[in-house]
């Protein structure tokens, strides 16, 4: 009997994707190696190439899956604030996907499956460009550790909701002393 591993795995594609997401989450996309992922999955070093061809193909699959999940997360958001909250939640729940999705130099940007997933996510995002901009900035700063002091141990979604309450509140929701007077400050005795 030979000790050579053969390509017999229940769901090798999913196993390699899961292992790759773990590596990206802990070490970043630069640490990916198909050979290492094959070892982790317990298959021959050539087996992952059957599904992804190469490292770029694997990263394209991760970006595609990320955009699909992202579109699902944004779908049916009732308002701009919730769309932004869902954006932040997606980044927190899927940090490896998030890292890859917004680095187009890592994957094949012309891949048809990726383009379809990006189009779907873009359609969801275009419904709330302001929320997208705010949420992307918040999520990026959060994942890079730049909001640790501001967020602390609080739930990032709750912090984002607090920020957006200030920004998206309508003039009618503001306290009376916060509303600017028409034509400038009131003058008594005029």
Protein backbone atom coordinates (compact mmCIF):
# COMPACT_ATOMS: atom_id res chain seq x y z
CA UNK A 1 0.00 0.00 0.00
CA UNK A 2 1.35 3.40 -0.91
CA UNK A 3 1.39 6.41 1.42
CA UNK A 4 0.74 8.77 -1.48
CA UNK A 5 -2.43 10.81 -1.03
CA UNK A 6 -4.93 10.77 -3.83
CA UNK A 7 -7.64 13.17 -4.87
CA UNK A 8 -10.60 11.74 -2.99
CA UNK A 9 -12.20 14.36 -0.82
CA UNK A 10 -15.86 14.94 -0.03
CA UNK A 11 -15.85 18.64 -0.89
CA UNK A 12 -12.30 19.65 -1.65
CA UNK A 13 -13.31 23.00 -3.11
CA UNK A 14 -15.05 24.05 0.12
CA UNK A 15 -12.24 22.63 2.27
CA UNK A 16 -9.61 24.63 0.37
CA UNK A 17 -11.73 27.80 0.48
CA UNK A 18 -12.26 27.41 4.22
CA UNK A 19 -8.55 26.83 4.83
CA UNK A 20 -7.68 29.81 2.62
CA UNK A 21 -10.10 32.06 4.52
CA UNK A 22 -8.48 30.98 7.80
CA UNK A 23 -5.02 31.84 6.45
CA UNK A 24 -6.16 35.22 5.12
CA UNK A 25 -7.91 36.06 8.39
CA UNK A 26 -4.81 35.28 10.48
CA UNK A 27 -1.90 36.04 8.15
CA UNK A 28 -3.27 38.00 5.20
CA UNK A 29 -3.66 37.09 1.51
CA UNK A 30 0.09 37.17 0.89
CA UNK A 31 0.52 34.04 3.03
CA UNK A 32 -1.61 31.84 0.72
CA UNK A 33 0.00 28.84 -0.89
CA UNK A 34 -1.92 26.12 -2.75
CA UNK A 35 0.64 23.57 -1.58
CA UNK A 36 0.05 24.53 2.07
CA UNK A 37 -3.72 24.48 1.60
CA UNK A 38 -3.50 21.00 0.06
CA UNK A 39 -1.54 19.84 3.09
CA UNK A 40 -4.18 21.30 5.40
CA UNK A 41 -6.95 19.56 3.44
CA UNK A 42 -5.02 16.28 3.46
CA UNK A 43 -4.80 15.91 -0.32
CA UNK A 44 -2.01 15.89 -2.89
CA UNK A 45 -0.37 19.21 -3.65
CA UNK A 46 -1.87 19.20 -7.15
CA UNK A 47 -5.48 18.62 -6.05
CA UNK A 48 -6.45 22.28 -5.34
CA UNK A 49 -5.32 23.27 -8.84
CA UNK A 50 -8.09 21.03 -10.16
CA UNK A 51 -10.64 23.52 -8.77
CA UNK A 52 -8.78 26.83 -8.85
CA UNK A 53 -5.97 26.45 -11.40
CA UNK A 54 -3.67 28.71 -9.38
CA UNK A 55 -3.47 31.09 -6.43
CA UNK A 56 -5.14 33.89 -8.41
CA UNK A 57 -8.00 31.55 -9.27
CA UNK A 58 -8.45 30.74 -5.59
CA UNK A 59 -8.50 34.45 -4.69
CA UNK A 60 -11.00 35.06 -7.51
CA UNK A 61 -13.26 32.38 -6.03
CA UNK A 62 -12.96 34.01 -2.58
CA UNK A 63 -13.79 37.46 -3.99
CA UNK A 64 -16.75 36.02 -5.92
CA UNK A 65 -18.10 34.26 -2.85
CA UNK A 66 -17.54 37.43 -0.84
CA UNK A 67 -19.49 39.63 -3.25
CA UNK A 68 -22.34 37.08 -3.34
CA UNK A 69 -22.55 36.99 0.45
CA UNK A 70 -22.19 40.76 0.58
CA UNK A 71 -25.14 41.28 -1.78
CA UNK A 72 -27.20 38.86 0.33
CA UNK A 73 -26.28 40.80 3.47
CA UNK A 74 -27.35 44.13 1.95
CA UNK A 75 -30.54 42.90 0.31
CA UNK A 76 -33.81 44.21 1.67
CA UNK A 77 -32.23 46.69 4.09
CA UNK A 78 -35.08 48.99 5.10
CA UNK A 79 -33.06 52.22 5.07
CA UNK A 80 -29.62 53.76 4.58
CA UNK A 81 -28.64 53.38 8.20
CA UNK A 82 -29.41 49.66 8.25
CA UNK A 83 -27.61 49.19 4.92
CA UNK A 84 -24.52 50.68 6.54
CA UNK A 85 -24.92 48.52 9.63
CA UNK A 86 -25.15 45.43 7.45
CA UNK A 87 -21.99 46.52 5.61
CA UNK A 88 -20.10 46.74 8.90
CA UNK A 89 -21.57 43.42 10.09
CA UNK A 90 -20.42 41.76 6.87
CA UNK A 91 -16.87 43.08 7.33
CA UNK A 92 -16.75 41.88 10.94
CA UNK A 93 -18.28 38.47 10.15
CA UNK A 94 -16.25 37.90 6.95
CA UNK A 95 -12.93 39.75 7.36
CA UNK A 96 -11.01 37.49 4.96
CA UNK A 97 -13.56 37.95 2.18
CA UNK A 98 -13.59 41.69 2.86
CA UNK A 99 -9.78 41.92 2.56
CA UNK A 100 -9.74 40.17 -0.79
CA UNK A 101 -12.83 41.81 -2.31
CA UNK A 102 -11.38 45.30 -2.15
CA UNK A 103 -7.93 44.41 -3.51
CA UNK A 104 -8.64 43.80 -7.21
CA UNK A 105 -4.95 43.24 -7.93
CA UNK A 106 -5.29 39.89 -6.11
CA UNK A 107 -7.85 38.29 -8.42
CA UNK A 108 -9.01 38.05 -12.03
CA UNK A 109 -11.17 41.16 -12.29
CA UNK A 110 -12.62 40.02 -15.64
CA UNK A 111 -13.90 36.66 -14.36
CA UNK A 112 -17.58 36.32 -15.45
CA UNK A 113 -18.74 34.87 -12.13
CA UNK A 114 -16.97 37.60 -10.22
CA UNK A 115 -18.41 40.30 -12.47
CA UNK A 116 -21.94 38.99 -11.93
CA UNK A 117 -21.46 38.90 -8.15
CA UNK A 118 -19.94 42.41 -8.13
CA UNK A 119 -22.81 43.74 -10.27
CA UNK A 120 -25.34 42.34 -7.83
CA UNK A 121 -23.52 43.80 -4.83
CA UNK A 122 -23.09 47.13 -6.63
CA UNK A 123 -26.82 47.33 -7.32
CA UNK A 124 -27.46 46.90 -3.59
CA UNK A 125 -24.81 49.49 -2.72
CA UNK A 126 -25.96 52.10 -5.21
CA UNK A 127 -29.22 52.30 -3.35
CA UNK A 128 -27.25 53.99 -0.56
CA UNK A 129 -23.96 55.52 -1.63
CA UNK A 130 -23.68 57.66 1.51
CA UNK A 131 -24.14 54.66 3.76
CA UNK A 132 -21.67 52.69 1.62
CA UNK A 133 -18.97 55.35 1.97
CA UNK A 134 -19.45 55.70 5.70
CA UNK A 135 -19.71 51.95 6.29
CA UNK A 136 -16.66 51.12 4.18
CA UNK A 137 -14.56 53.68 5.99
CA UNK A 138 -15.77 52.49 9.38
CA UNK A 139 -15.31 48.80 8.50
CA UNK A 140 -11.83 49.36 7.06
CA UNK A 141 -10.71 51.37 10.09
CA UNK A 142 -12.25 48.77 12.42
CA UNK A 143 -10.55 45.78 10.77
CA UNK A 144 -7.17 47.54 10.63
CA UNK A 145 -7.31 48.22 14.38
CA UNK A 146 -7.59 51.98 14.01
CA UNK A 147 -10.86 52.22 15.97
CA UNK A 148 -9.82 50.14 18.98
CA UNK A 149 -9.80 53.13 21.34
CA UNK A 150 -13.10 54.50 20.01
CA UNK A 151 -14.96 51.18 19.92
CA UNK A 152 -13.30 49.39 22.84
CA UNK A 153 -15.30 46.36 23.89
CA UNK A 154 -18.59 47.73 22.55
CA UNK A 155 -20.39 46.03 19.71
CA UNK A 156 -19.14 47.58 16.41
CA UNK A 157 -22.68 47.54 15.00
CA UNK A 158 -23.96 49.54 17.99
CA UNK A 159 -21.14 52.06 17.61
CA UNK A 160 -21.87 52.41 13.89
CA UNK A 161 -25.58 52.89 14.63
CA UNK A 162 -24.71 55.68 17.09
CA UNK A 163 -22.54 57.41 14.51
CA UNK A 164 -25.20 57.15 11.83
CA UNK A 165 -27.93 58.38 14.14
CA UNK A 166 -26.04 61.65 14.30
CA UNK A 167 -25.42 61.81 10.57
CA UNK A 168 -28.70 60.51 9.16
CA UNK A 169 -31.07 62.18 11.59
CA UNK A 170 -33.51 64.44 9.81
CA UNK A 171 -33.86 68.07 10.80
CA UNK A 172 -37.16 67.25 12.48
CA UNK A 173 -35.47 64.68 14.72
CA UNK A 174 -32.92 67.20 16.02
CA UNK A 175 -33.48 68.96 19.27
CA UNK A 176 -34.96 72.46 18.88
CA UNK A 177 -31.78 74.17 20.06
CA UNK A 178 -29.79 72.30 17.39
CA UNK A 179 -31.86 73.61 14.49
CA UNK A 180 -30.39 76.65 12.81
CA UNK A 181 -32.72 79.60 12.75
CA UNK A 182 -33.84 80.73 9.28
CA UNK A 183 -31.60 83.56 8.10
CA UNK A 184 -29.06 83.09 10.88
CA UNK A 185 -29.08 83.41 14.66
CA UNK A 186 -32.05 85.12 16.27
CA UNK A 187 -31.49 88.55 17.69
CA UNK A 188 -33.53 89.74 20.59
CA UNK A 189 -35.02 93.20 20.50
CA UNK A 190 -34.80 93.54 16.70
